[in-house]
Amino acid sequence: MTSRRGILAWIVALVAAGGRPGGAADDSASMIRSIAYDAATQTLTVVMAKDGRTYRHLRVPEKVYRDFMAAKSKGTFYLLHIKGRYEFSAQ
């Protein structure tokens, strides 16, 4: 049985590769414009490259931010570990 996370990771990889299985592409440059973190409030701010929308995720642990910044693909990390897991506001 395949886990939901495993399927999501496969879909993200497929999309990042331009829809070609086995392809390779780093989606971080095309998906995310900037990332900021306020440790005092545990607020993670992510600005999307495509439309400039700003997402402020609340109560994000500092370790998640550090792992995000260390990730080879910021876009994939965002989709798998942040989006949908933390309360947010969008502008």
Foldseek 3Di string as FASTA:
>chain_A
DDDPLRVLLQVVQCVQQVNDVPRDHQCQVQFWDDWDADQVFRWIWTATDPPRKIKIFGPHHVVLVVVLVVDPRNVSSCVRPPPPPTDIDID
